[in-house]
Amino acid sequence: MPQIMCPNCGKTINLENRKKIDFNLIKRATRKEPRTFTELLHITKLSRKTLSLRLKELCEKVTLVKDAGKYRLNGGSEFENTNGNLAKGFSKAFRDRRIKTGLMLVALLICYSTSGYVLARFFASPPQPTKINPGPVILGKFAMALDVSNVNDLYAWQAVITFNSSELKVIETTPGGFLDGEYPFFVNATDVNDGVLLLGCTLYGDVPGIDGSGRLAELVFGYFTQDY
C-alpha cells in the first residue's frame, strides 16, 4: 500500500490512515453543533469529492445523522470521540523523547523476561510420570482349612502360620464355625513379620468352652509362581 509522510508531524500515512484522519476531522467539526456541507468543506480543508464520500460512509455507519441539510454527530458515537481524543493524547506523548525512551526500556525488559521464560520451558525436560511398582502378578488362588479334632472345653485359640512371601500372598481369612467368632473376637494379622500370618479367636462372656472337632478358620492364598 503506497505511503506518504506528513510534513507537519512526520507520521507515515497510507490510504487507510488518511481515511481515519478525515473521519476524525469531520467528527470533531460536528461534535459541538451540526454543520452544513459548505461549513465542513471549509473546516476540514478536504476536497469536495473526498468530503462527499466520507460523509456518505459516516452516515451509513450512523456515526453522522443528516438532518435539515446539516450533519450532526450521533449521540451513540461519543465513545468513539473519546477514543479519538485518547489516541491523540497518546500520539503526543509518544513524540516526547523521554517518554518514548522509557517505554522502549520497559518493552525490552518485558521481551527479555518473556523470551527467557519461553527458552526455559523449551529446554526443560518434560516431567516424567511416576512409575508405580505393581508388585508380583497373582497367577492363581488356592484355599486351605484350619481344623481342630477332639478338644475339650475350648474357649480360645491362636495359631501362627508361616509361608514364603516371595511366592504366596494372603488374600482372605474367614472364621470357621467351631467357635462361630466374628470381629473383634476373630482376629488376623500379616504385619507381625514377613511371611507370617497370626490368627486367633475367642468366645466371650460367662459361657462354657466347646468340646469336639470342627473348623477354626478358612484361608485363601494367591500364588506368584506355579511351583510354590
Protein backbone atom coordinates (compact mmCIF):
# COMPACT_ATOMS: atom_id res chain seq x y z
CA MET A 1 0.00 0.00 0.00
CA PRO A 2 1.56 3.38 -1.02
CA GLN A 3 2.53 5.66 1.87
CA ILE A 4 3.37 9.34 2.25
CA MET A 5 4.94 11.29 5.14
CA CYS A 6 3.10 14.15 6.79
CA PRO A 7 5.24 17.35 6.52
CA ASN A 8 3.89 18.63 9.89
CA CYS A 9 4.31 15.68 12.30
CA GLY A 10 6.43 13.29 10.24
CA LYS A 11 3.88 10.49 10.61
CA THR A 12 3.69 7.93 7.82
CA ILE A 13 0.23 7.90 6.25
CA ASN A 14 -1.34 5.34 3.95
CA LEU A 15 -4.82 5.32 2.43
CA GLU A 16 -6.37 3.64 5.46
CA ASN A 17 -4.78 6.12 7.89
CA ARG A 18 -5.82 9.00 5.66
CA LYS A 19 -9.45 7.85 5.82
CA LYS A 20 -9.33 7.68 9.64
CA ILE A 21 -7.82 11.18 9.78
CA ASP A 22 -10.61 12.50 7.52
CA PHE A 23 -13.24 10.84 9.71
CA ASN A 24 -11.75 12.42 12.85
CA LEU A 25 -11.71 15.85 11.23
CA ILE A 26 -15.40 15.56 10.35
CA LYS A 27 -16.39 14.20 13.77
CA ARG A 28 -14.52 16.96 15.61
CA ALA A 29 -16.18 19.55 13.41
CA THR A 30 -19.67 18.21 14.17
CA ARG A 31 -19.14 17.44 17.84
CA LYS A 32 -20.44 20.77 19.25
CA GLU A 33 -23.06 21.69 16.66
CA PRO A 34 -24.50 20.50 13.32
CA ARG A 35 -22.64 21.66 10.22
CA THR A 36 -23.61 22.14 6.61
CA PHE A 37 -21.62 20.64 3.76
CA THR A 38 -20.11 24.03 2.97
CA GLU A 39 -19.05 24.60 6.58
CA LEU A 40 -17.40 21.18 6.72
CA LEU A 41 -15.68 21.90 3.43
CA HIS A 42 -14.00 24.99 4.95
CA ILE A 43 -13.26 23.43 8.36
CA THR A 44 -11.75 20.12 7.17
CA LYS A 45 -9.99 21.53 4.06
CA LEU A 46 -10.95 18.35 2.22
CA SER A 47 -11.79 18.29 -1.45
CA ARG A 48 -15.47 18.32 -2.34
CA LYS A 49 -15.37 14.74 -3.71
CA THR A 50 -13.45 13.34 -0.71
CA LEU A 51 -15.73 15.06 1.79
CA SER A 52 -18.82 13.78 0.00
CA LEU A 53 -17.51 10.21 0.12
CA ARG A 54 -16.55 10.47 3.79
CA LEU A 55 -19.91 11.94 4.79
CA LYS A 56 -21.77 9.21 2.92
CA GLU A 57 -19.76 6.48 4.68
CA LEU A 58 -20.21 8.04 8.13
CA CYS A 59 -23.95 8.34 7.58
CA GLU A 60 -24.14 4.68 6.51
CA LYS A 61 -22.38 3.76 9.77
CA VAL A 62 -24.86 6.00 11.64
CA THR A 63 -21.88 7.88 13.07
CA LEU A 64 -23.37 11.04 11.50
CA VAL A 65 -27.01 11.93 11.04
CA LYS A 66 -28.15 14.32 8.30
CA ASP A 67 -31.00 16.50 9.49
CA ALA A 68 -32.43 19.57 7.71
CA GLY A 69 -29.39 19.82 5.43
CA LYS A 70 -26.91 19.69 8.30
CA TYR A 71 -24.69 16.90 9.58
CA ARG A 72 -24.56 16.23 13.31
CA LEU A 73 -22.65 13.66 15.33
CA ASN A 74 -24.83 10.80 16.51
CA GLY A 75 -25.08 10.59 20.31
CA GLY A 76 -24.14 6.87 20.30
CA SER A 77 -20.69 7.70 18.94
CA GLU A 78 -19.38 9.73 21.88
CA PHE A 79 -17.29 6.74 22.92
CA GLU A 80 -15.54 6.86 19.54
CA ASN A 81 -14.80 10.55 20.06
CA THR A 82 -13.31 9.83 23.46
CA ASN A 83 -11.14 7.14 21.93
CA GLY A 84 -10.01 9.62 19.32
CA ASN A 85 -9.01 12.14 21.96
CA LEU A 86 -7.14 9.45 23.90
CA ALA A 87 -5.36 8.35 20.75
CA LYS A 88 -4.37 11.95 20.07
CA GLY A 89 -3.05 12.29 23.61
CA PHE A 90 -1.03 9.09 23.28
CA SER A 91 0.30 10.28 19.94
CA LYS A 92 1.58 13.49 21.57
CA ALA A 93 3.09 11.51 24.43
CA PHE A 94 4.96 9.21 22.06
CA ARG A 95 6.55 12.22 20.38
CA ASP A 96 8.13 13.14 23.74
CA ARG A 97 11.69 11.73 23.66
CA ARG A 98 11.85 10.94 27.40
CA ILE A 99 8.54 9.06 27.40
CA LYS A 100 9.50 7.19 24.25
CA THR A 101 12.86 6.13 25.76
CA GLY A 102 11.19 4.95 28.97
CA LEU A 103 8.61 2.90 27.08
CA MET A 104 11.33 1.31 24.94
CA LEU A 105 13.21 0.22 28.10
CA VAL A 106 10.04 -1.28 29.58
CA ALA A 107 9.35 -3.13 26.32
CA LEU A 108 12.90 -4.52 26.24
CA LEU A 109 12.60 -5.77 29.84
CA ILE A 110 9.30 -7.48 29.06
CA CYS A 111 10.75 -9.07 25.93
CA TYR A 112 13.83 -10.36 27.75
CA SER A 113 11.82 -11.83 30.64
CA THR A 114 9.32 -13.41 28.26
CA SER A 115 11.98 -14.90 25.98
CA GLY A 116 13.83 -16.29 29.00
CA TYR A 117 10.67 -17.98 30.22
CA VAL A 118 9.98 -19.45 26.79
CA LEU A 119 13.54 -20.79 26.47
CA ALA A 120 13.38 -22.28 29.94
CA ARG A 121 10.16 -24.04 29.09
CA PHE A 122 11.60 -25.15 25.73
CA PHE A 123 14.84 -26.65 27.07
CA ALA A 124 13.41 -28.10 30.29
CA SER A 125 12.80 -31.82 30.06
CA PRO A 126 9.11 -32.77 30.37
CA PRO A 127 8.07 -34.19 33.74
CA GLN A 128 8.37 -37.95 33.84
CA PRO A 129 5.34 -39.93 35.02
CA THR A 130 5.80 -41.58 38.38
CA LYS A 131 6.23 -45.31 37.96
CA ILE A 132 4.30 -47.35 40.49
CA ASN A 133 5.62 -50.83 41.08
CA PRO A 134 2.54 -53.05 40.82
CA GLY A 135 4.32 -55.94 42.56
CA PRO A 136 4.24 -59.59 41.51
CA VAL A 137 1.31 -60.74 39.41
CA ILE A 138 -1.00 -63.24 41.14
CA LEU A 139 -1.32 -66.24 38.82
CA GLY A 140 -4.00 -68.06 40.79
CA LYS A 141 -5.52 -68.85 44.19
CA PHE A 142 -5.98 -71.83 46.48
CA ALA A 143 -7.85 -72.39 49.77
CA MET A 144 -6.76 -74.04 52.99
CA ALA A 145 -8.66 -75.07 56.14
CA LEU A 146 -7.54 -74.91 59.77
CA ASP A 147 -9.36 -77.67 61.67
CA VAL A 148 -9.28 -78.97 65.24
CA SER A 149 -10.03 -82.52 66.49
CA ASN A 150 -11.20 -83.94 69.83
CA VAL A 151 -10.76 -80.88 72.06
CA ASN A 152 -12.29 -80.37 75.49
CA ASP A 153 -13.65 -77.07 76.78
CA LEU A 154 -12.09 -74.90 74.01
CA TYR A 155 -12.72 -71.23 74.89
CA ALA A 156 -9.99 -69.51 72.82
CA TRP A 157 -7.30 -70.46 70.32
CA GLN A 158 -4.42 -68.87 68.40
CA ALA A 159 -2.20 -70.07 65.54
CA VAL A 160 0.93 -68.83 63.78
CA ILE A 161 1.26 -69.84 60.10
CA THR A 162 4.47 -69.22 58.13
CA PHE A 163 4.72 -69.08 54.33
CA ASN A 164 7.12 -67.94 51.59
CA SER A 165 6.07 -64.33 50.87
CA SER A 166 8.02 -64.26 47.58
CA GLU A 167 5.73 -66.99 46.25
CA LEU A 168 2.47 -66.58 48.22
CA LYS A 169 0.18 -63.83 49.48
CA VAL A 170 -2.69 -63.98 51.97
CA ILE A 171 -5.85 -62.97 50.11
CA GLU A 172 -8.60 -63.69 52.64
CA THR A 173 -9.19 -65.20 56.09
CA THR A 174 -12.64 -66.11 57.44
CA PRO A 175 -13.63 -67.68 60.78
CA GLY A 176 -14.83 -71.27 60.83
CA GLY A 177 -18.00 -72.44 62.53
CA PHE A 178 -16.47 -74.22 65.52
CA LEU A 179 -16.32 -71.17 67.83
CA ASP A 180 -18.50 -69.09 65.47
CA GLY A 181 -16.49 -65.95 66.23
CA GLU A 182 -16.73 -62.63 64.37
CA TYR A 183 -14.74 -59.38 64.64
CA PRO A 184 -13.47 -58.31 67.14
CA PHE A 185 -13.39 -61.84 68.60
CA PHE A 186 -11.81 -63.28 65.43
CA VAL A 187 -8.53 -61.56 64.51
CA ASN A 188 -5.87 -61.96 61.82
CA ALA A 189 -2.64 -60.09 61.15
CA THR A 190 0.09 -60.33 58.48
CA ASP A 191 2.17 -57.32 59.58
CA VAL A 192 3.83 -59.05 62.54
CA ASN A 193 6.65 -60.32 60.30
CA ASP A 194 7.39 -61.09 56.66
CA GLY A 195 5.78 -64.38 55.68
CA VAL A 196 3.89 -64.77 58.98
CA LEU A 197 0.12 -64.97 59.47
CA LEU A 198 -1.27 -64.68 63.01
CA LEU A 199 -4.80 -65.99 63.65
CA GLY A 200 -6.92 -66.18 66.76
CA CYS A 201 -10.46 -66.42 68.05
CA THR A 202 -12.21 -66.46 71.42
CA LEU A 203 -15.60 -66.82 72.99
CA TYR A 204 -16.82 -64.00 75.23
CA GLY A 205 -18.82 -63.73 78.40
CA ASP A 206 -19.50 -66.28 81.09
CA VAL A 207 -20.02 -69.27 78.77
CA PRO A 208 -18.52 -72.76 78.81
CA GLY A 209 -15.92 -73.91 76.25
CA ILE A 210 -16.76 -76.21 73.32
CA ASP A 211 -15.86 -79.87 73.00
CA GLY A 212 -15.34 -81.93 69.85
CA SER A 213 -13.97 -81.35 66.35
CA GLY A 214 -14.55 -78.66 63.74
CA ARG A 215 -13.21 -75.86 61.54
CA LEU A 216 -11.45 -72.94 63.17
CA ALA A 217 -10.74 -70.83 60.02
CA GLU A 218 -10.57 -70.88 56.25
CA LEU A 219 -7.68 -69.24 54.36
CA VAL A 220 -7.24 -68.15 50.74
CA PHE A 221 -3.71 -67.66 49.31
CA GLY A 222 -2.64 -66.24 45.99
CA TYR A 223 0.48 -67.58 44.28
CA PHE A 224 3.04 -65.75 42.10
CA THR A 225 4.74 -68.85 40.71
CA GLN A 226 3.45 -72.20 39.57
CA ASP A 227 5.86 -74.26 41.68
CA TYR A 228 5.04 -72.64 45.05
